[in-house]
Amino acid sequence: MTGPASAGERAQPTAAGEQYEPSPFRNRRFVVFAAGNTVNNIGEAVYATALPLLMYELTGSLAVMTVLAGAVPVALLLAPPLGVATDRWGPRVLVVPGLLLQAAAALAMNLLLRGGHDDPAPLFVCALLLAVGGTAYRTGWMTGIPGMFPECKVRARGTLNSLFFASTLIGPLVVTAALPWLDYSGLLWFNLLTFFAPIAVWAMGIHPPPASPSHTAAGNATDGGADTGTDSAAGGSRAGAASSKLAEGWRVIRDDHRILAVLAAQIALGIACGTGLNALIVYELGHRWALSAREAATALTLMNVCMLAGNLLVAQRKRFRPRLSLILGMAVRTVSLLLFAVPSWPLFLIALALGALGQGAVLSTAVMMRVKYLPAAVLGRASGLLWLLTGAAALLSPVVTPLLGNVLGIPQTFLVLGVVSGAGLWYVCAHAAPGRRPSAIRVGREGSDR
């Protein structure tokens, strides 16, 4: 937990009466926390790069690689119940247990691989436990941000998101640089060690504060007594109680037009700009534009750098203007998808860069809006539901995009994806108008505009 912010570090009002937050990097505790979190993220990026390559080297099977990759979306199913746990007992209950579960699963996987076992079933179990531990850990620290850094909670969340994107760039570079000295299994041992960086930060006393009695009461309470009746009718069953708590999280999402707007944007981007689009871009770089593997990798690196830049443009502003960021980001992403259909290499390259820039801005805006607008008492379960919905949308991308490509052709597929993104842009413009406020439900002061 952090000490009280100094007068110079507290959120300051602008001339218009709004508030802006100081840079989280002025808080030494945040710097240490972010460093440990980033080391862990780099290890996971190394793991995500090295494991598929190792499995291809061992088995030569695309099916095995696909099965292991499926562990991450399966783990997303646990996001809502994990969110309920954080709202009830506080984020501390998930952080260290999640990290230890990841470390144990990584150790088991490494020992299996070291012993020459490449059977997909036990490896999938290890990968699934790794993904579950990661989901628990991320749920814990994300919901703990407002309590750890209350003076800059929105910018802290956005900055951590930017550092995560930076780690996705650094991870493959670490793999490339370390392979001459370490094989793929050695890189997986490196990933195991990185799980202990956040644990060391925790041991230094930098972690979410204990859940206060009022927070626990709010997490267990229901809105207006409606859920209490439901629980009584269900005979006090735990399943009924958990269901009612998730229903309360959904009501908070449903009753806030701002959260619904960013949810619509993320669902549209998940379908139109997920892994299916990435595969389509890689195909076009090699097929239509005849780039070599090295040239295509350079183009993809440019895309990733631009996505990081889009994150930073939103996260590092003193004033957080979510509506403007959402509209501009979605507009740029939509136009870029339409430009992909034009048979011009300069326009394709421009679309590659600008689309990633816009998408990065939208993703950064989304995570910051959750911290700013979701009430603290339901932050865990509401965030879990949002993760589940956006994750489900992202799973449609590798299914829908190849199907459209086979039926319509590549240029027409880009146009359809542009229409999907444009639908998300239309919803944002129509439902994120300034001056509107969430209706009905209120769970604590943090849910209101500041």
Foldseek 3Di string as FASTA:
>chain_A
DDDDDDPVQFWDADPVRATFGDACVVPVLLVLLLVLVLLLLLLVLLVLPLVLVVLCVLPVDPVLSVLLVVLQLVLLVCQQVLLLVCLQWNLVVQAVVLLVQLLVLLVVLLVCVVVVHSDSVSNSVSSNSNNNSVSSNVLSQLLLQCQQCVRHSLLSQLVSVLSSLVSNLVNVVCCVVCCVPDPSSVSSVSSSVSSCSSVVSVVVVRGRDGQDPVSNCLSQDAPPCPLVVQCVVVVNDPVSSSVRSLVRLVLLCVQFLQNVLLLLLLLLCLQLPAVLVVVLLLCCCCPVVNDDPVVSVVLVSLLSVLLSVLSCVQSVDRDHDLLVLLLVLLVLLLVLLLQCLDSDPVSVSVSSNSNSSSVSSSVSSNSSCLQQAPDSSSSSNNVSVSSSSSSVSNVNRNVPNVVCCVPPNSSVSSNVSSVSSVVSSVSSVVRVDPPDGGPDDDRDDSNGRD
